[in-house]
Protein backbone atom coordinates (compact mmCIF):
# COMPACT_ATOMS: atom_id res chain seq x y z
CA MET A 1 16.28 43.51 -54.38
CA SER A 2 15.65 43.89 -50.67
CA THR A 3 12.31 43.77 -48.93
CA ASP A 4 12.38 47.52 -48.32
CA GLU A 5 13.20 48.26 -51.96
CA SER A 6 10.34 46.05 -53.16
CA LEU A 7 7.91 47.65 -50.74
CA THR A 8 9.03 51.14 -51.77
CA ARG A 9 8.55 50.22 -55.42
CA ALA A 10 5.09 48.81 -54.64
CA GLU A 11 4.16 52.07 -52.89
CA GLU A 12 5.30 54.05 -55.96
CA LEU A 13 3.20 51.83 -58.19
CA LEU A 14 0.19 52.24 -55.91
CA ALA A 15 0.59 56.03 -56.12
CA ARG A 16 0.59 55.78 -59.91
CA THR A 17 -2.47 53.53 -59.69
CA GLU A 18 -4.28 56.15 -57.63
CA ALA A 19 -3.40 58.87 -60.17
CA VAL A 20 -4.76 56.75 -63.03
CA ARG A 21 -7.89 55.91 -61.02
CA ALA A 22 -8.47 59.61 -60.34
CA GLU A 23 -8.12 60.41 -64.04
CA LEU A 24 -10.58 57.64 -64.88
CA GLU A 25 -13.04 59.01 -62.33
CA GLN A 26 -12.65 62.48 -63.82
CA LEU A 27 -13.40 61.08 -67.27
CA SER A 28 -16.53 59.37 -65.97
CA GLU A 29 -17.84 62.64 -64.52
CA GLY A 30 -17.39 64.60 -67.72
CA GLU A 31 -17.50 63.96 -71.39
CA GLY A 32 -14.40 61.85 -71.46
CA SER A 33 -13.18 59.87 -74.38
CA PRO A 34 -14.17 56.19 -74.28
CA GLU A 35 -10.84 55.38 -75.94
CA ARG A 36 -8.95 57.13 -73.14
CA ALA A 37 -11.00 55.27 -70.54
CA ILE A 38 -10.05 51.96 -72.17
CA GLU A 39 -6.38 53.01 -72.16
CA LEU A 40 -6.60 53.88 -68.48
CA LEU A 41 -8.24 50.56 -67.62
CA GLY A 42 -5.40 48.76 -69.41
CA GLU A 43 -2.88 50.83 -67.50
CA LEU A 44 -4.61 50.00 -64.21
CA SER A 45 -4.42 46.31 -65.07
CA GLU A 46 -0.69 46.55 -65.79
CA LEU A 47 -0.05 48.50 -62.60
CA ALA A 48 -1.98 45.96 -60.52
CA LYS A 49 0.17 43.16 -61.94
CA ALA A 50 3.34 45.12 -61.22
CA VAL A 51 2.24 45.76 -57.61
CA GLU A 52 1.52 42.06 -57.16
CA GLU A 53 4.98 41.17 -58.52
CA GLU A 54 6.70 43.62 -56.16
CA LEU A 55 4.78 42.32 -53.15
CA THR A 56 5.73 38.77 -54.11
CA ARG A 57 9.39 39.83 -54.34
CA ALA A 58 9.14 41.50 -50.94
CA GLN A 59 7.62 38.38 -49.42
CA ARG A 60 10.35 36.16 -50.89
CA ALA A 61 13.06 38.53 -49.68
CA ALA A 62 11.56 38.58 -46.19
CA GLU A 63 11.38 34.78 -46.13
CA ALA A 64 14.99 34.53 -47.30
CA ASP A 65 16.08 36.97 -44.60
CA ALA A 66 14.20 34.98 -41.96
CA GLN A 67 15.97 31.79 -42.98
CA SER A 68 19.45 33.27 -42.87
């Protein structure tokens, strides 16, 4: 996967993260389900890990490109 592809994927994941965060905020302002809030927090955790993985891939790809 190229640097650009990894960065694009990271941006997509960050957009999903923002959508989940907004839903969590909406739950906190109303009478949201605690179970749903826990699900959303788990999803945020998974998304954060996925973003970190994509950024690591992008960094490795950029370093490989710089060496060649």
